[in-house]
Amino acid sequence: MFTWRAWNKEIKDIEKITKDWLKNNQLPSKRVIFEKGNVDLPIGTNKNVYKTRFYYAKTRKIKYFVEDEPAKAIKLSQICRYVFLVDHIYNQLNNLPYNIIRVKNWSEIYDYLKEFE
């Protein structure tokens, strides 16, 4: 699981707060990668510079990705086979790339994955 959080001195333990929120909302994850910047830079392969979802998607050849931000989904669509864009009021865009699939919930994602494999 990848997440970007605002990093400022007033918010201490943002990683713990986020992990607790995921657990309390029953969103299990084996590993959470906290992006700390560089999300707007070109996709690269230098891990020390690009510790982002794009770096990991490219180097680990991730086929499917779940995203909620259209700009990130579009960038990921250049790397991944399909990107599932979770439908929210703030991410309504038209003319998305063919391999971005708008979904409402995890059940829809699961159904697509069963169909693809």
N, C-alpha and C. Protein backbone atom coordinates (compact mmCIF):
# COMPACT_ATOMS: atom_id res chain seq x y z
N MET A 1 0.86 -1.16 0.00
CA MET A 1 0.00 0.00 0.00
C MET A 1 0.91 1.23 0.00
N PHE A 2 0.55 2.19 -0.82
CA PHE A 2 1.31 3.43 -0.94
C PHE A 2 0.45 4.58 -0.44
N THR A 3 1.08 5.51 0.24
CA THR A 3 0.34 6.69 0.68
C THR A 3 1.29 7.88 0.72
N TRP A 4 0.76 9.03 0.41
CA TRP A 4 1.50 10.27 0.53
C TRP A 4 0.83 11.06 1.63
N ARG A 5 1.59 11.55 2.54
CA ARG A 5 1.07 12.35 3.64
C ARG A 5 1.87 13.63 3.74
N ALA A 6 1.18 14.70 4.10
CA ALA A 6 1.87 15.97 4.33
C ALA A 6 2.81 15.79 5.52
N TRP A 7 4.03 16.14 5.33
CA TRP A 7 5.03 15.97 6.38
C TRP A 7 5.36 17.34 6.96
N ASN A 8 4.86 17.62 8.14
CA ASN A 8 5.23 18.87 8.80
C ASN A 8 5.50 18.59 10.28
N LYS A 9 6.17 19.53 10.90
CA LYS A 9 6.63 19.33 12.27
C LYS A 9 5.49 19.29 13.28
N GLU A 10 4.34 19.85 12.96
CA GLU A 10 3.22 19.86 13.89
C GLU A 10 2.56 18.49 14.02
N ILE A 11 2.63 17.70 12.98
CA ILE A 11 1.99 16.37 13.01
C ILE A 11 3.08 15.34 13.29
N LYS A 12 3.12 14.87 14.50
CA LYS A 12 4.10 13.86 14.87
C LYS A 12 3.48 12.48 14.68
N ASP A 13 4.31 11.52 14.42
CA ASP A 13 3.88 10.13 14.27
C ASP A 13 2.84 9.94 13.17
N ILE A 14 3.00 10.62 12.04
CA ILE A 14 2.03 10.49 10.96
C ILE A 14 1.94 9.05 10.46
N GLU A 15 3.06 8.32 10.49
CA GLU A 15 3.03 6.93 10.05
C GLU A 15 2.18 6.09 10.99
N LYS A 16 2.34 6.28 12.28
CA LYS A 16 1.54 5.52 13.26
C LYS A 16 0.06 5.89 13.13
N ILE A 17 -0.24 7.17 13.00
CA ILE A 17 -1.62 7.62 12.85
C ILE A 17 -2.26 6.96 11.62
N THR A 18 -1.52 6.92 10.52
CA THR A 18 -2.04 6.33 9.28
C THR A 18 -2.26 4.83 9.43
N LYS A 19 -1.28 4.13 10.01
CA LYS A 19 -1.41 2.68 10.20
C LYS A 19 -2.57 2.35 11.13
N ASP A 20 -2.73 3.14 12.18
CA ASP A 20 -3.86 2.93 13.10
C ASP A 20 -5.19 3.15 12.37
N TRP A 21 -5.25 4.18 11.53
CA TRP A 21 -6.47 4.45 10.78
C TRP A 21 -6.80 3.29 9.85
N LEU A 22 -5.81 2.77 9.15
CA LEU A 22 -6.02 1.63 8.26
C LEU A 22 -6.55 0.43 9.03
N LYS A 23 -5.95 0.16 10.18
CA LYS A 23 -6.38 -0.97 11.00
C LYS A 23 -7.80 -0.76 11.52
N ASN A 24 -8.09 0.42 12.03
CA ASN A 24 -9.42 0.72 12.59
C ASN A 24 -10.51 0.71 11.52
N ASN A 25 -10.13 0.94 10.27
CA ASN A 25 -11.10 0.93 9.17
C ASN A 25 -11.05 -0.37 8.39
N GLN A 26 -10.44 -1.37 8.97
CA GLN A 26 -10.38 -2.73 8.42
C GLN A 26 -9.80 -2.76 7.01
N LEU A 27 -8.73 -2.03 6.81
CA LEU A 27 -8.00 -2.04 5.55
C LEU A 27 -6.62 -2.66 5.82
N PRO A 28 -6.57 -3.98 5.85
CA PRO A 28 -5.31 -4.64 6.19
C PRO A 28 -4.25 -4.41 5.12
N SER A 29 -3.04 -4.27 5.55
CA SER A 29 -1.94 -4.15 4.60
C SER A 29 -0.69 -4.74 5.25
N LYS A 30 0.02 -5.52 4.47
CA LYS A 30 1.24 -6.12 4.98
C LYS A 30 2.36 -5.09 5.08
N ARG A 31 2.34 -4.16 4.14
CA ARG A 31 3.40 -3.15 4.11
C ARG A 31 2.81 -1.83 3.60
N VAL A 32 3.15 -0.76 4.29
CA VAL A 32 2.72 0.57 3.86
C VAL A 32 3.98 1.35 3.50
N ILE A 33 4.01 1.87 2.28
CA ILE A 33 5.14 2.69 1.84
C ILE A 33 4.68 4.14 1.88
N PHE A 34 5.36 4.93 2.68
CA PHE A 34 5.04 6.34 2.84
C PHE A 34 5.90 7.15 1.89
N GLU A 35 5.27 7.76 0.89
CA GLU A 35 5.99 8.61 -0.04
C GLU A 35 6.27 9.94 0.64
N LYS A 36 7.48 10.42 0.45
CA LYS A 36 7.87 11.65 1.13
C LYS A 36 8.27 12.73 0.12
N GLY A 37 7.72 12.66 -1.05
CA GLY A 37 8.05 13.65 -2.06
C GLY A 37 8.33 13.00 -3.39
N ASN A 38 8.74 13.78 -4.35
CA ASN A 38 9.12 13.33 -5.69
C ASN A 38 7.97 12.72 -6.49
N VAL A 39 6.73 12.88 -6.05
CA VAL A 39 5.63 12.25 -6.79
C VAL A 39 5.37 12.92 -8.13
N ASP A 40 5.87 14.11 -8.33
CA ASP A 40 5.64 14.81 -9.59
C ASP A 40 6.82 14.73 -10.54
N LEU A 41 7.89 14.05 -10.14
CA LEU A 41 9.07 13.93 -11.00
C LEU A 41 8.87 12.80 -12.01
N PRO A 42 9.65 12.80 -13.07
CA PRO A 42 9.54 11.72 -14.06
C PRO A 42 9.79 10.36 -13.41
N ILE A 43 9.27 9.33 -14.03
CA ILE A 43 9.46 7.98 -13.53
C ILE A 43 10.92 7.61 -13.72
N GLY A 44 11.56 7.22 -12.67
CA GLY A 44 12.96 6.85 -12.75
C GLY A 44 13.22 5.51 -12.12
N THR A 45 14.46 5.11 -12.14
CA THR A 45 14.81 3.83 -11.53
C THR A 45 15.82 4.01 -10.42
N ASN A 46 16.09 5.23 -10.01
CA ASN A 46 17.01 5.49 -8.92
C ASN A 46 16.22 5.51 -7.62
N LYS A 47 16.30 4.43 -6.86
CA LYS A 47 15.49 4.28 -5.65
C LYS A 47 15.75 5.40 -4.65
N ASN A 48 16.96 5.89 -4.58
CA ASN A 48 17.26 6.94 -3.59
C ASN A 48 16.55 8.25 -3.91
N VAL A 49 16.21 8.45 -5.15
CA VAL A 49 15.53 9.69 -5.54
C VAL A 49 14.03 9.47 -5.70
N TYR A 50 13.64 8.32 -6.19
CA TYR A 50 12.25 8.07 -6.56
C TYR A 50 11.59 7.01 -5.69
N LYS A 51 11.47 7.23 -4.43
CA LYS A 51 10.81 6.26 -3.56
C LYS A 51 9.31 6.51 -3.61
N THR A 52 8.73 6.22 -4.76
CA THR A 52 7.32 6.49 -4.98
C THR A 52 6.62 5.27 -5.54
N ARG A 53 5.31 5.35 -5.63
CA ARG A 53 4.51 4.28 -6.23
C ARG A 53 4.91 4.03 -7.67
N PHE A 54 5.37 5.07 -8.37
CA PHE A 54 5.76 4.92 -9.77
C PHE A 54 7.05 4.11 -9.90
N TYR A 55 7.99 4.39 -9.03
CA TYR A 55 9.24 3.64 -9.00
C TYR A 55 8.96 2.16 -8.76
N TYR A 56 8.18 1.88 -7.72
CA TYR A 56 7.90 0.49 -7.38
C TYR A 56 7.06 -0.20 -8.46
N ALA A 57 6.11 0.50 -9.03
CA ALA A 57 5.29 -0.09 -10.10
C ALA A 57 6.17 -0.48 -11.29
N LYS A 58 7.12 0.37 -11.61
CA LYS A 58 7.99 0.11 -12.76
C LYS A 58 9.00 -1.00 -12.45
N THR A 59 9.71 -0.89 -11.35
CA THR A 59 10.78 -1.85 -11.06
C THR A 59 10.25 -3.22 -10.65
N ARG A 60 9.07 -3.27 -10.06
CA ARG A 60 8.51 -4.56 -9.64
C ARG A 60 7.46 -5.08 -10.62
N LYS A 61 7.32 -4.36 -11.72
CA LYS A 61 6.41 -4.77 -12.80
C LYS A 61 5.01 -5.07 -12.28
N ILE A 62 4.47 -4.11 -11.53
CA ILE A 62 3.13 -4.25 -10.97
C ILE A 62 2.12 -4.14 -12.11
N LYS A 63 1.26 -5.13 -12.25
CA LYS A 63 0.29 -5.16 -13.36
C LYS A 63 -0.97 -4.37 -13.06
N TYR A 64 -1.41 -4.38 -11.80
CA TYR A 64 -2.67 -3.74 -11.43
C TYR A 64 -2.43 -2.80 -10.26
N PHE A 65 -3.05 -1.65 -10.32
CA PHE A 65 -2.85 -0.65 -9.28
C PHE A 65 -4.20 0.00 -8.95
N VAL A 66 -4.42 0.29 -7.69
CA VAL A 66 -5.64 0.98 -7.24
C VAL A 66 -5.22 2.39 -6.84
N GLU A 67 -5.93 3.37 -7.37
CA GLU A 67 -5.57 4.78 -7.13
C GLU A 67 -6.84 5.60 -7.00
N ASP A 68 -6.74 6.76 -6.35
CA ASP A 68 -7.90 7.64 -6.27
C ASP A 68 -7.63 9.02 -6.84
N GLU A 69 -6.39 9.31 -7.19
CA GLU A 69 -6.07 10.62 -7.77
C GLU A 69 -5.87 10.46 -9.28
N PRO A 70 -6.64 11.20 -10.08
CA PRO A 70 -6.57 11.04 -11.54
C PRO A 70 -5.17 11.25 -12.13
N ALA A 71 -4.46 12.27 -11.68
CA ALA A 71 -3.13 12.53 -12.26
C ALA A 71 -2.19 11.36 -12.01
N LYS A 72 -2.25 10.79 -10.82
CA LYS A 72 -1.40 9.64 -10.50
C LYS A 72 -1.87 8.41 -11.26
N ALA A 73 -3.18 8.25 -11.41
CA ALA A 73 -3.71 7.12 -12.17
C ALA A 73 -3.25 7.19 -13.63
N ILE A 74 -3.26 8.37 -14.21
CA ILE A 74 -2.82 8.53 -15.59
C ILE A 74 -1.35 8.19 -15.73
N LYS A 75 -0.53 8.65 -14.80
CA LYS A 75 0.90 8.33 -14.83
C LYS A 75 1.11 6.82 -14.65
N LEU A 76 0.37 6.21 -13.74
CA LEU A 76 0.49 4.77 -13.52
C LEU A 76 0.00 3.97 -14.72
N SER A 77 -0.94 4.52 -15.48
CA SER A 77 -1.45 3.81 -16.65
C SER A 77 -0.38 3.62 -17.73
N GLN A 78 0.69 4.39 -17.65
CA GLN A 78 1.81 4.25 -18.57
C GLN A 78 2.75 3.12 -18.15
N ILE A 79 2.54 2.62 -16.93
CA ILE A 79 3.42 1.58 -16.37
C ILE A 79 2.68 0.27 -16.20
N CYS A 80 1.49 0.34 -15.66
CA CYS A 80 0.73 -0.86 -15.28
C CYS A 80 -0.22 -1.28 -16.40
N ARG A 81 -0.61 -2.54 -16.34
CA ARG A 81 -1.58 -3.05 -17.32
C ARG A 81 -2.93 -2.36 -17.16
N TYR A 82 -3.42 -2.31 -15.91
CA TYR A 82 -4.67 -1.61 -15.61
C TYR A 82 -4.53 -0.86 -14.30
N VAL A 83 -5.20 0.28 -14.24
CA VAL A 83 -5.28 1.06 -13.01
C VAL A 83 -6.76 1.20 -12.67
N PHE A 84 -7.10 0.85 -11.45
CA PHE A 84 -8.47 1.00 -10.97
C PHE A 84 -8.57 2.35 -10.26
N LEU A 85 -9.40 3.22 -10.78
CA LEU A 85 -9.61 4.54 -10.19
C LEU A 85 -10.87 4.47 -9.34
N VAL A 86 -10.68 4.56 -8.03
CA VAL A 86 -11.81 4.49 -7.11
C VAL A 86 -12.61 5.78 -7.24
N ASP A 87 -13.88 5.62 -7.56
CA ASP A 87 -14.76 6.75 -7.85
C ASP A 87 -15.02 7.61 -6.62
N HIS A 88 -14.71 8.89 -6.75
CA HIS A 88 -14.99 9.89 -5.71
C HIS A 88 -15.44 11.17 -6.39
N ILE A 89 -16.09 12.01 -5.65
CA ILE A 89 -16.58 13.28 -6.20
C ILE A 89 -15.42 14.16 -6.69
N TYR A 90 -14.25 14.04 -6.07
CA TYR A 90 -13.12 14.90 -6.42
C TYR A 90 -12.29 14.38 -7.60
N ASN A 91 -12.62 13.22 -8.14
CA ASN A 91 -11.79 12.71 -9.23
C ASN A 91 -12.55 12.45 -10.54
N GLN A 92 -13.57 13.24 -10.78
CA GLN A 92 -14.38 13.08 -11.98
C GLN A 92 -13.70 13.74 -13.18
N LEU A 93 -13.11 12.92 -14.03
CA LEU A 93 -12.49 13.39 -15.26
C LEU A 93 -13.01 12.55 -16.41
N ASN A 94 -13.08 13.15 -17.56
CA ASN A 94 -13.43 12.42 -18.77
C ASN A 94 -12.16 12.14 -19.56
N ASN A 95 -12.27 11.34 -20.57
CA ASN A 95 -11.16 11.04 -21.48
C ASN A 95 -9.95 10.45 -20.77
N LEU A 96 -10.19 9.48 -19.92
CA LEU A 96 -9.10 8.79 -19.25
C LEU A 96 -8.52 7.76 -20.22
N PRO A 97 -7.26 7.38 -20.05
CA PRO A 97 -6.69 6.33 -20.89
C PRO A 97 -7.52 5.05 -20.81
N TYR A 98 -7.46 4.25 -21.86
CA TYR A 98 -8.28 3.04 -21.97
C TYR A 98 -8.06 2.07 -20.81
N ASN A 99 -6.88 2.06 -20.23
CA ASN A 99 -6.57 1.06 -19.21
C ASN A 99 -6.80 1.57 -17.78
N ILE A 100 -7.52 2.67 -17.64
CA ILE A 100 -7.96 3.13 -16.32
C ILE A 100 -9.44 2.76 -16.21
N ILE A 101 -9.74 1.99 -15.21
CA ILE A 101 -11.11 1.51 -15.01
C ILE A 101 -11.67 2.14 -13.74
N ARG A 102 -12.74 2.87 -13.89
CA ARG A 102 -13.39 3.50 -12.73
C ARG A 102 -14.19 2.44 -11.98
N VAL A 103 -13.98 2.36 -10.66
CA VAL A 103 -14.66 1.37 -9.82
C VAL A 103 -15.24 2.05 -8.60
N LYS A 104 -16.23 1.39 -8.00
CA LYS A 104 -16.88 1.94 -6.81
C LYS A 104 -16.40 1.32 -5.51
N ASN A 105 -15.90 0.09 -5.58
CA ASN A 105 -15.52 -0.60 -4.34
C ASN A 105 -14.55 -1.74 -4.64
N TRP A 106 -14.08 -2.37 -3.55
CA TRP A 106 -13.13 -3.48 -3.66
C TRP A 106 -13.75 -4.69 -4.35
N SER A 107 -15.02 -4.88 -4.18
CA SER A 107 -15.70 -6.01 -4.81
C SER A 107 -15.61 -5.91 -6.34
N GLU A 108 -15.79 -4.72 -6.88
CA GLU A 108 -15.67 -4.53 -8.33
C GLU A 108 -14.25 -4.82 -8.80
N ILE A 109 -13.28 -4.38 -8.03
CA ILE A 109 -11.88 -4.63 -8.38
C ILE A 109 -11.63 -6.13 -8.43
N TYR A 110 -12.11 -6.82 -7.41
CA TYR A 110 -11.94 -8.27 -7.34
C TYR A 110 -12.57 -8.95 -8.55
N ASP A 111 -13.76 -8.52 -8.93
CA ASP A 111 -14.44 -9.10 -10.10
C ASP A 111 -13.62 -8.90 -11.38
N TYR A 112 -13.06 -7.70 -11.55
CA TYR A 112 -12.22 -7.46 -12.72
C TYR A 112 -10.98 -8.36 -12.70
N LEU A 113 -10.34 -8.47 -11.55
CA LEU A 113 -9.14 -9.29 -11.45
C LEU A 113 -9.42 -10.75 -11.79
N LYS A 114 -10.56 -11.26 -11.34
CA LYS A 114 -10.93 -12.63 -11.69
C LYS A 114 -11.10 -12.77 -13.20
N GLU A 115 -11.68 -11.75 -13.81
CA GLU A 115 -11.91 -11.77 -15.25
C GLU A 115 -10.59 -11.70 -16.03
N PHE A 116 -9.63 -10.91 -15.54
CA PHE A 116 -8.36 -10.73 -16.24
C PHE A 116 -7.46 -11.95 -16.16
N GLU A 117 -7.53 -12.67 -15.08
CA GLU A 117 -6.59 -13.79 -14.88
C GLU A 117 -7.14 -15.05 -15.40
